[in-house]
């Protein structure tokens, strides 16, 4: 499960950047169906997850101008979740345990691609 969660986070981040950079050689775009739990709004989802798992929002990013990703976690229990937020509602996309946090390696090269703001593109 830990490997699946790490892969999900990496894919979420990578898929968001695909709009600005070419895909890696040999990459394929796939539509993968998976079960999700969705609520009409973010309040219902956050209330349930906060009460049941004591998670808090640790990171957010925009996927498009009207959709976004929310990363939740509880460092004390090692649990985490990924939410997809849109006008249609909020969906729990992935959740898991045995959370590992990583720091950016020192001396890592800057990005080769220019990351554009949605409003500028």
PDB file of N, CA and C in Angstrom:
ATOM      1  N   UNK A   1       0.826  -1.187   0.000  1.00  0.00           N
ATOM      2  CA  UNK A   1       0.000   0.000   0.000  1.00  0.00           C
ATOM      3  C   UNK A   1       0.867   1.246   0.000  1.00  0.00           C
ATOM      4  N   UNK A   2       1.999   1.213   0.731  1.00  0.00           N
ATOM      5  CA  UNK A   2       2.877   2.379   0.803  1.00  0.00           C
ATOM      6  C   UNK A   2       3.390   2.730  -0.585  1.00  0.00           C
ATOM      7  N   UNK A   3       3.794   1.726  -1.355  1.00  0.00           N
ATOM      8  CA  UNK A   3       4.303   1.976  -2.693  1.00  0.00           C
ATOM      9  C   UNK A   3       3.211   2.555  -3.585  1.00  0.00           C
ATOM     10  N   UNK A   4       1.993   2.032  -3.451  1.00  0.00           N
ATOM     11  CA  UNK A   4       0.871   2.538  -4.249  1.00  0.00           C
ATOM     12  C   UNK A   4       0.602   4.002  -3.921  1.00  0.00           C
ATOM     13  N   UNK A   5       0.651   4.346  -2.631  1.00  0.00           N
ATOM     14  CA  UNK A   5       0.391   5.730  -2.231  1.00  0.00           C
ATOM     15  C   UNK A   5       1.468   6.657  -2.788  1.00  0.00           C
ATOM     16  N   UNK A   6       2.740   6.263  -2.684  1.00  0.00           N
ATOM     17  CA  UNK A   6       3.827   7.081  -3.221  1.00  0.00           C
ATOM     18  C   UNK A   6       3.658   7.254  -4.728  1.00  0.00           C
ATOM     19  N   UNK A   7       3.275   6.183  -5.408  1.00  0.00           N
ATOM     20  CA  UNK A   7       3.075   6.237  -6.851  1.00  0.00           C
ATOM     21  C   UNK A   7       1.934   7.187  -7.181  1.00  0.00           C
ATOM     22  N   UNK A   8       0.855   7.136  -6.377  1.00  0.00           N
ATOM     23  CA  UNK A   8      -0.294   8.005  -6.612  1.00  0.00           C
ATOM     24  C   UNK A   8       0.083   9.472  -6.478  1.00  0.00           C
ATOM     25  N   UNK A   9       0.866   9.776  -5.456  1.00  0.00           N
ATOM     26  CA  UNK A   9       1.297  11.160  -5.262  1.00  0.00           C
ATOM     27  C   UNK A   9       2.155  11.599  -6.440  1.00  0.00           C
ATOM     28  N   UNK A  10       3.104  10.763  -6.841  1.00  0.00           N
ATOM     29  CA  UNK A  10       3.974  11.093  -7.961  1.00  0.00           C
ATOM     30  C   UNK A  10       3.165  11.295  -9.233  1.00  0.00           C
ATOM     31  N   UNK A  11       2.198  10.408  -9.478  1.00  0.00           N
ATOM     32  CA  UNK A  11       1.369  10.532 -10.687  1.00  0.00           C
ATOM     33  C   UNK A  11       0.526  11.792 -10.652  1.00  0.00           C
ATOM     34  N   UNK A  12      -0.041  12.098  -9.492  1.00  0.00           N
ATOM     35  CA  UNK A  12      -0.844  13.317  -9.387  1.00  0.00           C
ATOM     36  C   UNK A  12      -0.007  14.536  -9.720  1.00  0.00           C
ATOM     37  N   UNK A  13       1.203  14.569  -9.181  1.00  0.00           N
ATOM     38  CA  UNK A  13       2.090  15.698  -9.431  1.00  0.00           C
ATOM     39  C   UNK A  13       2.505  15.721 -10.900  1.00  0.00           C
ATOM     40  N   UNK A  14       2.886  14.561 -11.433  1.00  0.00           N
ATOM     41  CA  UNK A  14       3.365  14.483 -12.809  1.00  0.00           C
ATOM     42  C   UNK A  14       2.262  14.809 -13.799  1.00  0.00           C
ATOM     43  N   UNK A  15       1.046  14.294 -13.556  1.00  0.00           N
ATOM     44  CA  UNK A  15      -0.047  14.566 -14.486  1.00  0.00           C
ATOM     45  C   UNK A  15      -0.378  16.054 -14.511  1.00  0.00           C
ATOM     46  N   UNK A  16      -0.238  16.710 -13.390  1.00  0.00           N
ATOM     47  CA  UNK A  16      -0.471  18.152 -13.356  1.00  0.00           C
ATOM     48  C   UNK A  16       0.540  18.901 -14.191  1.00  0.00           C
ATOM     49  N   UNK A  17       1.784  18.419 -14.249  1.00  0.00           N
ATOM     50  CA  UNK A  17       2.822  19.097 -15.008  1.00  0.00           C
ATOM     51  C   UNK A  17       2.803  18.754 -16.492  1.00  0.00           C
ATOM     52  N   UNK A  18       2.108  17.677 -16.859  1.00  0.00           N
ATOM     53  CA  UNK A  18       2.077  17.278 -18.262  1.00  0.00           C
ATOM     54  C   UNK A  18       1.516  18.356 -19.158  1.00  0.00           C
ATOM     55  N   UNK A  19       0.708  19.239 -18.622  1.00  0.00           N
ATOM     56  CA  UNK A  19       0.147  20.314 -19.446  1.00  0.00           C
ATOM     57  C   UNK A  19       1.233  21.274 -19.910  1.00  0.00           C
ATOM     58  N   UNK A  20       2.374  21.284 -19.249  1.00  0.00           N
ATOM     59  CA  UNK A  20       3.423  22.237 -19.556  1.00  0.00           C
ATOM     60  C   UNK A  20       4.675  21.578 -20.131  1.00  0.00           C
ATOM     61  N   UNK A  21       4.866  20.283 -19.931  1.00  0.00           N
ATOM     62  CA  UNK A  21       6.074  19.610 -20.379  1.00  0.00           C
ATOM     63  C   UNK A  21       5.699  18.393 -21.221  1.00  0.00           C
ATOM     64  N   UNK A  22       6.624  17.976 -22.076  1.00  0.00           N
ATOM     65  CA  UNK A  22       6.405  16.761 -22.856  1.00  0.00           C
ATOM     66  C   UNK A  22       6.451  15.550 -21.937  1.00  0.00           C
ATOM     67  N   UNK A  23       5.718  14.510 -22.320  1.00  0.00           N
ATOM     68  CA  UNK A  23       5.735  13.270 -21.543  1.00  0.00           C
ATOM     69  C   UNK A  23       7.078  12.568 -21.718  1.00  0.00           C
ATOM     70  N   UNK A  24       7.495  11.808 -20.714  1.00  0.00           N
ATOM     71  CA  UNK A  24       8.748  11.051 -20.855  1.00  0.00           C
ATOM     72  C   UNK A  24       8.646  10.041 -22.001  1.00  0.00           C
ATOM     73  N   UNK A  25       9.762   9.697 -22.564  1.00  0.00           N
ATOM     74  CA  UNK A  25       9.797   8.726 -23.660  1.00  0.00           C
ATOM     75  C   UNK A  25       9.162   7.420 -23.211  1.00  0.00           C
ATOM     76  N   UNK A  26       8.302   6.863 -24.052  1.00  0.00           N
ATOM     77  CA  UNK A  26       7.641   5.591 -23.750  1.00  0.00           C
ATOM     78  C   UNK A  26       6.402   5.731 -22.873  1.00  0.00           C
ATOM     79  N   UNK A  27       6.042   6.945 -22.498  1.00  0.00           N
ATOM     80  CA  UNK A  27       4.877   7.153 -21.634  1.00  0.00           C
ATOM     81  C   UNK A  27       3.584   6.987 -22.430  1.00  0.00           C
ATOM     82  N   UNK A  28       2.543   6.529 -21.753  1.00  0.00           N
ATOM     83  CA  UNK A  28       1.219   6.382 -22.347  1.00  0.00           C
ATOM     84  C   UNK A  28       0.208   7.079 -21.447  1.00  0.00           C
ATOM     85  N   UNK A  29      -0.774   7.737 -22.032  1.00  0.00           N
ATOM     86  CA  UNK A  29      -1.863   8.332 -21.248  1.00  0.00           C
ATOM     87  C   UNK A  29      -2.945   7.266 -21.110  1.00  0.00           C
ATOM     88  N   UNK A  30      -3.283   6.926 -19.878  1.00  0.00           N
ATOM     89  CA  UNK A  30      -4.282   5.905 -19.591  1.00  0.00           C
ATOM     90  C   UNK A  30      -5.395   6.494 -18.739  1.00  0.00           C
ATOM     91  N   UNK A  31      -6.602   6.035 -18.952  1.00  0.00           N
ATOM     92  CA  UNK A  31      -7.717   6.356 -18.065  1.00  0.00           C
ATOM     93  C   UNK A  31      -7.927   5.121 -17.201  1.00  0.00           C
ATOM     94  N   UNK A  32      -7.664   5.269 -15.906  1.00  0.00           N
ATOM     95  CA  UNK A  32      -7.727   4.134 -14.999  1.00  0.00           C
ATOM     96  C   UNK A  32      -8.906   4.320 -14.052  1.00  0.00           C
ATOM     97  N   UNK A  33      -9.903   3.434 -14.133  1.00  0.00           N
ATOM     98  CA  UNK A  33     -11.042   3.556 -13.219  1.00  0.00           C
ATOM     99  C   UNK A  33     -10.680   3.015 -11.836  1.00  0.00           C
ATOM    100  N   UNK A  34     -11.139   3.702 -10.801  1.00  0.00           N
ATOM    101  CA  UNK A  34     -10.933   3.243  -9.430  1.00  0.00           C
ATOM    102  C   UNK A  34     -12.077   3.791  -8.586  1.00  0.00           C
ATOM    103  N   UNK A  35     -12.397   3.100  -7.508  1.00  0.00           N
ATOM    104  CA  UNK A  35     -13.501   3.582  -6.668  1.00  0.00           C
ATOM    105  C   UNK A  35     -13.092   4.823  -5.886  1.00  0.00           C
ATOM    106  N   UNK A  36     -14.033   5.725  -5.708  1.00  0.00           N
ATOM    107  CA  UNK A  36     -13.827   6.937  -4.922  1.00  0.00           C
ATOM    108  C   UNK A  36     -15.048   7.176  -4.052  1.00  0.00           C
ATOM    109  N   UNK A  37     -14.841   7.892  -2.968  1.00  0.00           N
ATOM    110  CA  UNK A  37     -15.945   8.339  -2.128  1.00  0.00           C
ATOM    111  C   UNK A  37     -16.043   9.843  -2.328  1.00  0.00           C
ATOM    112  N   UNK A  38     -17.230  10.327  -2.723  1.00  0.00           N
ATOM    113  CA  UNK A  38     -17.394  11.745  -3.033  1.00  0.00           C
ATOM    114  C   UNK A  38     -18.497  12.361  -2.186  1.00  0.00           C
ATOM    115  N   UNK A  39     -18.313  13.638  -1.859  1.00  0.00           N
ATOM    116  CA  UNK A  39     -19.323  14.409  -1.141  1.00  0.00           C
ATOM    117  C   UNK A  39     -19.648  15.643  -1.983  1.00  0.00           C
ATOM    118  N   UNK A  40     -20.816  16.252  -1.769  1.00  0.00           N
ATOM    119  CA  UNK A  40     -21.193  17.419  -2.561  1.00  0.00           C
ATOM    120  C   UNK A  40     -20.237  18.600  -2.391  1.00  0.00           C
ATOM    121  N   UNK A  41     -19.627  18.727  -1.234  1.00  0.00           N
ATOM    122  CA  UNK A  41     -18.715  19.837  -0.985  1.00  0.00           C
ATOM    123  C   UNK A  41     -17.519  19.387  -0.164  1.00  0.00           C
ATOM    124  N   UNK A  42     -16.578  20.285   0.006  1.00  0.00           N
ATOM    125  CA  UNK A  42     -15.364  19.949   0.756  1.00  0.00           C
ATOM    126  C   UNK A  42     -15.619  19.898   2.258  1.00  0.00           C
ATOM    127  N   UNK A  43     -16.575  20.673   2.750  1.00  0.00           N
ATOM    128  CA  UNK A  43     -16.856  20.724   4.187  1.00  0.00           C
ATOM    129  C   UNK A  43     -17.233  19.356   4.739  1.00  0.00           C
ATOM    130  N   UNK A  44     -18.118  18.653   4.040  1.00  0.00           N
ATOM    131  CA  UNK A  44     -18.544  17.325   4.508  1.00  0.00           C
ATOM    132  C   UNK A  44     -17.376  16.349   4.563  1.00  0.00           C
ATOM    133  N   UNK A  45     -16.556  16.360   3.517  1.00  0.00           N
ATOM    134  CA  UNK A  45     -15.421  15.439   3.457  1.00  0.00           C
ATOM    135  C   UNK A  45     -14.407  15.757   4.548  1.00  0.00           C
ATOM    136  N   UNK A  46     -14.044  17.033   4.668  1.00  0.00           N
ATOM    137  CA  UNK A  46     -13.045  17.427   5.668  1.00  0.00           C
ATOM    138  C   UNK A  46     -13.542  17.159   7.085  1.00  0.00           C
ATOM    139  N   UNK A  47     -14.816  17.417   7.352  1.00  0.00           N
ATOM    140  CA  UNK A  47     -15.368  17.157   8.681  1.00  0.00           C
ATOM    141  C   UNK A  47     -15.247  15.684   9.046  1.00  0.00           C
ATOM    142  N   UNK A  48     -15.595  14.815   8.114  1.00  0.00           N
ATOM    143  CA  UNK A  48     -15.524  13.371   8.380  1.00  0.00           C
ATOM    144  C   UNK A  48     -14.083  12.907   8.577  1.00  0.00           C
ATOM    145  N   UNK A  49     -13.187  13.337   7.704  1.00  0.00           N
ATOM    146  CA  UNK A  49     -11.796  12.895   7.811  1.00  0.00           C
ATOM    147  C   UNK A  49     -11.101  13.468   9.039  1.00  0.00           C
ATOM    148  N   UNK A  50     -11.426  14.703   9.378  1.00  0.00           N
ATOM    149  CA  UNK A  50     -10.827  15.312  10.570  1.00  0.00           C
ATOM    150  C   UNK A  50     -11.310  14.612  11.833  1.00  0.00           C
ATOM    151  N   UNK A  51     -12.597  14.315  11.886  1.00  0.00           N
ATOM    152  CA  UNK A  51     -13.160  13.648  13.065  1.00  0.00           C
ATOM    153  C   UNK A  51     -12.666  12.205  13.166  1.00  0.00           C
ATOM    154  N   UNK A  52     -12.707  11.462  12.082  1.00  0.00           N
ATOM    155  CA  UNK A  52     -12.356  10.039  12.120  1.00  0.00           C
ATOM    156  C   UNK A  52     -10.855   9.783  12.191  1.00  0.00           C
ATOM    157  N   UNK A  53     -10.047  10.568  11.486  1.00  0.00           N
ATOM    158  CA  UNK A  53      -8.621  10.280  11.375  1.00  0.00           C
ATOM    159  C   UNK A  53      -7.708  11.400  11.877  1.00  0.00           C
ATOM    160  N   UNK A  54      -8.285  12.505  12.320  1.00  0.00           N
ATOM    161  CA  UNK A  54      -7.526  13.651  12.842  1.00  0.00           C
ATOM    162  C   UNK A  54      -6.461  14.125  11.860  1.00  0.00           C
ATOM    163  N   UNK A  55      -6.785  14.103  10.567  1.00  0.00           N
ATOM    164  CA  UNK A  55      -5.852  14.591   9.549  1.00  0.00           C
ATOM    165  C   UNK A  55      -6.017  16.098   9.402  1.00  0.00           C
ATOM    166  N   UNK A  56      -5.000  16.731   8.871  1.00  0.00           N
ATOM    167  CA  UNK A  56      -5.074  18.158   8.566  1.00  0.00           C
ATOM    168  C   UNK A  56      -4.544  18.377   7.154  1.00  0.00           C
ATOM    169  N   UNK A  57      -4.870  19.502   6.564  1.00  0.00           N
ATOM    170  CA  UNK A  57      -4.387  19.825   5.222  1.00  0.00           C
ATOM    171  C   UNK A  57      -2.908  20.158   5.321  1.00  0.00           C
ATOM    172  N   UNK A  58      -2.098  19.424   4.578  1.00  0.00           N
ATOM    173  CA  UNK A  58      -0.658  19.690   4.589  1.00  0.00           C
ATOM    174  C   UNK A  58      -0.176  20.293   3.281  1.00  0.00           C
ATOM    175  N   UNK A  59      -0.955  20.142   2.204  1.00  0.00           N
ATOM    176  CA  UNK A  59      -0.527  20.665   0.903  1.00  0.00           C
ATOM    177  C   UNK A  59      -1.740  20.775  -0.009  1.00  0.00           C
ATOM    178  N   UNK A  60      -1.755  21.797  -0.846  1.00  0.00           N
ATOM    179  CA  UNK A  60      -2.775  21.935  -1.882  1.00  0.00           C
ATOM    180  C   UNK A  60      -2.091  22.413  -3.155  1.00  0.00           C
ATOM    181  N   UNK A  61      -2.684  22.102  -4.290  1.00  0.00           N
ATOM    182  CA  UNK A  61      -2.230  22.685  -5.552  1.00  0.00           C
ATOM    183  C   UNK A  61      -3.359  22.652  -6.556  1.00  0.00           C
ATOM    184  N   UNK A  62      -3.318  23.581  -7.495  1.00  0.00           N
ATOM    185  CA  UNK A  62      -4.330  23.667  -8.547  1.00  0.00           C
ATOM    186  C   UNK A  62      -3.977  22.702  -9.663  1.00  0.00           C
ATOM    187  N   UNK A  63      -4.973  21.957 -10.090  1.00  0.00           N
ATOM    188  CA  UNK A  63      -4.825  21.083 -11.248  1.00  0.00           C
ATOM    189  C   UNK A  63      -5.167  21.878 -12.505  1.00  0.00           C
ATOM    190  N   UNK A  64      -6.250  22.630 -12.423  1.00  0.00           N
ATOM    191  CA  UNK A  64      -6.695  23.545 -13.474  1.00  0.00           C
ATOM    192  C   UNK A  64      -7.208  24.786 -12.746  1.00  0.00           C
ATOM    193  N   UNK A  65      -7.666  25.798 -13.457  1.00  0.00           N
ATOM    194  CA  UNK A  65      -8.220  26.959 -12.751  1.00  0.00           C
ATOM    195  C   UNK A  65      -9.453  26.640 -11.891  1.00  0.00           C
ATOM    196  N   UNK A  66     -10.145  25.527 -12.157  1.00  0.00           N
ATOM    197  CA  UNK A  66     -11.362  25.209 -11.402  1.00  0.00           C
ATOM    198  C   UNK A  66     -11.308  23.880 -10.648  1.00  0.00           C
ATOM    199  N   UNK A  67     -10.196  23.172 -10.694  1.00  0.00           N
ATOM    200  CA  UNK A  67     -10.052  21.911  -9.951  1.00  0.00           C
ATOM    201  C   UNK A  67      -8.732  21.923  -9.197  1.00  0.00           C
ATOM    202  N   UNK A  68      -8.698  21.148  -8.131  1.00  0.00           N
ATOM    203  CA  UNK A  68      -7.476  21.122  -7.343  1.00  0.00           C
ATOM    204  C   UNK A  68      -7.297  19.828  -6.576  1.00  0.00           C
ATOM    205  N   UNK A  69      -6.135  19.702  -5.972  1.00  0.00           N
ATOM    206  CA  UNK A  69      -5.753  18.539  -5.192  1.00  0.00           C
ATOM    207  C   UNK A  69      -5.449  19.005  -3.773  1.00  0.00           C
ATOM    208  N   UNK A  70      -5.909  18.236  -2.795  1.00  0.00           N
ATOM    209  CA  UNK A  70      -5.630  18.510  -1.394  1.00  0.00           C
ATOM    210  C   UNK A  70      -4.979  17.269  -0.800  1.00  0.00           C
ATOM    211  N   UNK A  71      -3.838  17.455  -0.162  1.00  0.00           N
ATOM    212  CA  UNK A  71      -3.137  16.362   0.516  1.00  0.00           C
ATOM    213  C   UNK A  71      -3.360  16.542   2.015  1.00  0.00           C
ATOM    214  N   UNK A  72      -3.852  15.501   2.659  1.00  0.00           N
ATOM    215  CA  UNK A  72      -4.114  15.511   4.095  1.00  0.00           C
ATOM    216  C   UNK A  72      -3.199  14.500   4.764  1.00  0.00           C
ATOM    217  N   UNK A  73      -2.813  14.767   6.009  1.00  0.00           N
ATOM    218  CA  UNK A  73      -2.085  13.733   6.731  1.00  0.00           C
ATOM    219  C   UNK A  73      -2.130  13.955   8.229  1.00  0.00           C
ATOM    220  N   UNK A  74      -1.803  12.894   8.951  1.00  0.00           N
ATOM    221  CA  UNK A  74      -1.649  12.940  10.402  1.00  0.00           C
ATOM    222  C   UNK A  74      -0.286  12.320  10.686  1.00  0.00           C
ATOM    223  N   UNK A  75       0.712  13.142  11.027  1.00  0.00           N
ATOM    224  CA  UNK A  75       2.053  12.603  11.254  1.00  0.00           C
ATOM    225  C   UNK A  75       2.137  11.688  12.470  1.00  0.00           C
ATOM    226  N   UNK A  76       1.195  11.814  13.401  1.00  0.00           N
ATOM    227  CA  UNK A  76       1.225  10.967  14.596  1.00  0.00           C
ATOM    228  C   UNK A  76       0.790   9.537  14.314  1.00  0.00           C
ATOM    229  N   UNK A  77      -0.129   9.370  13.368  1.00  0.00           N
ATOM    230  CA  UNK A  77      -0.618   8.023  13.046  1.00  0.00           C
ATOM    231  C   UNK A  77      -0.046   7.492  11.732  1.00  0.00           C
ATOM    232  N   UNK A  78       0.588   8.356  10.954  1.00  0.00           N
ATOM    233  CA  UNK A  78       1.145   7.939   9.670  1.00  0.00           C
ATOM    234  C   UNK A  78       0.096   7.715   8.606  1.00  0.00           C
ATOM    235  N   UNK A  79      -1.077   8.321   8.756  1.00  0.00           N
ATOM    236  CA  UNK A  79      -2.128   8.188   7.752  1.00  0.00           C
ATOM    237  C   UNK A  79      -2.135   9.405   6.836  1.00  0.00           C
ATOM    238  N   UNK A  80      -2.612   9.205   5.618  1.00  0.00           N
ATOM    239  CA  UNK A  80      -2.659  10.291   4.641  1.00  0.00           C
ATOM    240  C   UNK A  80      -3.781  10.029   3.641  1.00  0.00           C
ATOM    241  N   UNK A  81      -4.176  11.099   2.949  1.00  0.00           N
ATOM    242  CA  UNK A  81      -5.226  10.981   1.940  1.00  0.00           C
ATOM    243  C   UNK A  81      -5.017  12.032   0.867  1.00  0.00           C
ATOM    244  N   UNK A  82      -5.554  11.737  -0.317  1.00  0.00           N
ATOM    245  CA  UNK A  82      -5.523  12.662  -1.442  1.00  0.00           C
ATOM    246  C   UNK A  82      -6.964  12.929  -1.850  1.00  0.00           C
ATOM    247  N   UNK A  83      -7.334  14.208  -1.896  1.00  0.00           N
ATOM    248  CA  UNK A  83      -8.672  14.613  -2.318  1.00  0.00           C
ATOM    249  C   UNK A  83      -8.596  15.323  -3.659  1.00  0.00           C
ATOM    250  N   UNK A  84      -9.601  15.114  -4.485  1.00  0.00           N
ATOM    251  CA  UNK A  84      -9.755  15.866  -5.726  1.00  0.00           C
ATOM    252  C   UNK A  84     -10.962  16.767  -5.535  1.00  0.00           C
ATOM    253  N   UNK A  85     -10.781  18.074  -5.737  1.00  0.00           N
ATOM    254  CA  UNK A  85     -11.835  19.048  -5.501  1.00  0.00           C
ATOM    255  C   UNK A  85     -12.225  19.693  -6.825  1.00  0.00           C
ATOM    256  N   UNK A  86     -13.537  19.734  -7.093  1.00  0.00           N
ATOM    257  CA  UNK A  86     -14.053  20.381  -8.301  1.00  0.00           C
ATOM    258  C   UNK A  86     -15.391  21.016  -7.972  1.00  0.00           C
ATOM    259  N   UNK A  87     -15.978  21.672  -8.948  1.00  0.00           N
ATOM    260  CA  UNK A  87     -17.300  22.268  -8.749  1.00  0.00           C
ATOM    261  C   UNK A  87     -18.354  21.195  -8.471  1.00  0.00           C
ATOM    262  N   UNK A  88     -18.124  19.972  -8.962  1.00  0.00           N
ATOM    263  CA  UNK A  88     -19.076  18.879  -8.778  1.00  0.00           C
ATOM    264  C   UNK A  88     -19.024  18.286  -7.374  1.00  0.00           C
ATOM    265  N   UNK A  89     -17.940  18.515  -6.638  1.00  0.00           N
ATOM    266  CA  UNK A  89     -17.824  17.963  -5.291  1.00  0.00           C
ATOM    267  C   UNK A  89     -16.385  17.647  -4.946  1.00  0.00           C
ATOM    268  N   UNK A  90     -16.224  16.963  -3.832  1.00  0.00           N
ATOM    269  CA  UNK A  90     -14.900  16.565  -3.348  1.00  0.00           C
ATOM    270  C   UNK A  90     -14.853  15.051  -3.253  1.00  0.00           C
ATOM    271  N   UNK A  91     -13.801  14.451  -3.828  1.00  0.00           N
ATOM    272  CA  UNK A  91     -13.672  12.998  -3.825  1.00  0.00           C
ATOM    273  C   UNK A  91     -12.400  12.563  -3.109  1.00  0.00           C
ATOM    274  N   UNK A  92     -12.545  11.557  -2.258  1.00  0.00           N
ATOM    275  CA  UNK A  92     -11.398  10.907  -1.639  1.00  0.00           C
ATOM    276  C   UNK A  92     -10.847   9.953  -2.691  1.00  0.00           C
ATOM    277  N   UNK A  93      -9.689  10.282  -3.242  1.00  0.00           N
ATOM    278  CA  UNK A  93      -9.125   9.525  -4.347  1.00  0.00           C
ATOM    279  C   UNK A  93      -8.250   8.388  -3.844  1.00  0.00           C
ATOM    280  N   UNK A  94      -7.363   8.695  -2.922  1.00  0.00           N
ATOM    281  CA  UNK A  94      -6.473   7.688  -2.337  1.00  0.00           C
ATOM    282  C   UNK A  94      -6.352   7.951  -0.848  1.00  0.00           C
ATOM    283  N   UNK A  95      -6.182   6.895  -0.084  1.00  0.00           N
ATOM    284  CA  UNK A  95      -5.853   7.030   1.333  1.00  0.00           C
ATOM    285  C   UNK A  95      -4.951   5.863   1.713  1.00  0.00           C
ATOM    286  N   UNK A  96      -4.161   6.063   2.746  1.00  0.00           N
ATOM    287  CA  UNK A  96      -3.255   4.998   3.137  1.00  0.00           C
ATOM    288  C   UNK A  96      -2.582   5.275   4.465  1.00  0.00           C
ATOM    289  N   UNK A  97      -1.664   4.413   4.791  1.00  0.00           N
ATOM    290  CA  UNK A  97      -0.941   4.525   6.055  1.00  0.00           C
ATOM    291  C   UNK A  97       0.550   4.335   5.826  1.00  0.00           C
ATOM    292  N   UNK A  98       1.329   4.387   6.887  1.00  0.00           N
ATOM    293  CA  UNK A  98       2.797   4.300   6.809  1.00  0.00           C
ATOM    294  C   UNK A  98       3.368   5.454   5.987  1.00  0.00           C
ATOM    295  N   UNK A  99       2.888   6.645   6.270  1.00  0.00           N
ATOM    296  CA  UNK A  99       3.305   7.863   5.585  1.00  0.00           C
ATOM    297  C   UNK A  99       4.802   8.104   5.741  1.00  0.00           C
ATOM    298  N   UNK A 100       5.461   8.439   4.665  1.00  0.00           N
ATOM    299  CA  UNK A 100       6.866   8.843   4.672  1.00  0.00           C
ATOM    300  C   UNK A 100       6.957  10.233   4.072  1.00  0.00           C
ATOM    301  N   UNK A 101       7.685  11.117   4.727  1.00  0.00           N
ATOM    302  CA  UNK A 101       7.889  12.477   4.234  1.00  0.00           C
ATOM    303  C   UNK A 101       9.324  12.586   3.726  1.00  0.00           C
ATOM    304  N   UNK A 102       9.522  13.359   2.664  1.00  0.00           N
ATOM    305  CA  UNK A 102      10.840  13.500   2.059  1.00  0.00           C
ATOM    306  C   UNK A 102      11.185  14.968   1.886  1.00  0.00           C
ATOM    307  N   UNK A 103      12.447  15.303   2.063  1.00  0.00           N
ATOM    308  CA  UNK A 103      12.941  16.649   1.815  1.00  0.00           C
ATOM    309  C   UNK A 103      13.527  16.713   0.419  1.00  0.00           C
ATOM    310  N   UNK A 104      13.495  17.873  -0.178  1.00  0.00           N
ATOM    311  CA  UNK A 104      14.111  18.070  -1.493  1.00  0.00           C
ATOM    312  C   UNK A 104      15.620  17.911  -1.346  1.00  0.00           C
ATOM    313  N   UNK A 105      16.244  17.103  -2.181  1.00  0.00           N
ATOM    314  CA  UNK A 105      17.698  16.902  -2.078  1.00  0.00           C
ATOM    315  C   UNK A 105      18.460  18.204  -2.302  1.00  0.00           C
ATOM    316  N   UNK A 106      19.472  18.418  -1.494  1.00  0.00           N
ATOM    317  CA  UNK A 106      20.313  19.606  -1.674  1.00  0.00           C
ATOM    318  C   UNK A 106      21.033  19.505  -3.008  1.00  0.00           C
ATOM    319  N   UNK A 107      21.190  20.645  -3.681  1.00  0.00           N
ATOM    320  CA  UNK A 107      21.906  20.685  -4.947  1.00  0.00           C
ATOM    321  C   UNK A 107      21.113  20.188  -6.135  1.00  0.00           C
ATOM    322  N   UNK A 108      19.820  19.928  -5.951  1.00  0.00           N
ATOM    323  CA  UNK A 108      18.994  19.458  -7.073  1.00  0.00           C
ATOM    324  C   UNK A 108      18.888  20.568  -8.117  1.00  0.00           C
ATOM    325  N   UNK A 109      19.013  20.189  -9.366  1.00  0.00           N
ATOM    326  CA  UNK A 109      18.985  21.161 -10.471  1.00  0.00           C
ATOM    327  C   UNK A 109      17.618  21.833 -10.554  1.00  0.00           C
ATOM    328  N   UNK A 110      17.572  23.062 -11.045  1.00  0.00           N
ATOM    329  CA  UNK A 110      16.285  23.734 -11.244  1.00  0.00           C
ATOM    330  C   UNK A 110      15.515  23.059 -12.381  1.00  0.00           C
ATOM    331  N   UNK A 111      14.209  23.314 -12.483  1.00  0.00           N
ATOM    332  CA  UNK A 111      13.425  22.684 -13.549  1.00  0.00           C
ATOM    333  C   UNK A 111      13.898  23.116 -14.930  1.00  0.00           C
ATOM    334  N   UNK A 112      13.815  22.174 -15.877  1.00  0.00           N
ATOM    335  CA  UNK A 112      14.158  22.490 -17.265  1.00  0.00           C
ATOM    336  C   UNK A 112      12.997  23.184 -17.969  1.00  0.00           C
ATOM    337  N   UNK A 113      11.779  22.888 -17.536  1.00  0.00           N
ATOM    338  CA  UNK A 113      10.585  23.460 -18.150  1.00  0.00           C
ATOM    339  C   UNK A 113      10.115  24.671 -17.358  1.00  0.00           C
ATOM    340  N   UNK A 114       9.581  25.655 -18.062  1.00  0.00           N
ATOM    341  CA  UNK A 114       9.007  26.829 -17.425  1.00  0.00           C
ATOM    342  C   UNK A 114       7.608  26.482 -16.921  1.00  0.00           C
ATOM    343  N   UNK A 115       7.344  26.660 -15.651  1.00  0.00           N
ATOM    344  CA  UNK A 115       6.028  26.418 -15.091  1.00  0.00           C
ATOM    345  C   UNK A 115       5.236  27.705 -15.219  1.00  0.00           C
ATOM    346  N   UNK A 116       4.128  27.623 -15.976  1.00  0.00           N
ATOM    347  CA  UNK A 116       3.332  28.821 -16.255  1.00  0.00           C
ATOM    348  C   UNK A 116       2.144  28.883 -15.310  1.00  0.00           C
ATOM    349  N   UNK A 117       1.792  30.090 -14.934  1.00  0.00           N
ATOM    350  CA  UNK A 117       0.599  30.312 -14.147  1.00  0.00           C
ATOM    351  C   UNK A 117      -0.595  30.148 -15.068  1.00  0.00           C
ATOM    352  N   UNK A 118      -1.714  29.578 -14.556  1.00  0.00           N
ATOM    353  CA  UNK A 118      -2.905  29.388 -15.376  1.00  0.00           C
ATOM    354  C   UNK A 118      -3.374  30.695 -15.996  1.00  0.00           C
ATOM    355  N   UNK A 119      -3.271  31.772 -15.240  1.00  0.00           N
ATOM    356  CA  UNK A 119      -3.766  33.057 -15.719  1.00  0.00           C
ATOM    357  C   UNK A 119      -2.891  33.635 -16.824  1.00  0.00           C
ATOM    358  N   UNK A 120      -1.633  33.199 -16.921  1.00  0.00           N
ATOM    359  CA  UNK A 120      -0.737  33.682 -17.959  1.00  0.00           C
ATOM    360  C   UNK A 120      -0.815  32.877 -19.228  1.00  0.00           C
ATOM    361  N   UNK A 121      -1.317  31.637 -19.142  1.00  0.00           N
ATOM    362  CA  UNK A 121      -1.322  30.768 -20.326  1.00  0.00           C
ATOM    363  C   UNK A 121      -2.595  30.880 -21.123  1.00  0.00           C
TER     364      UNK A 121
END
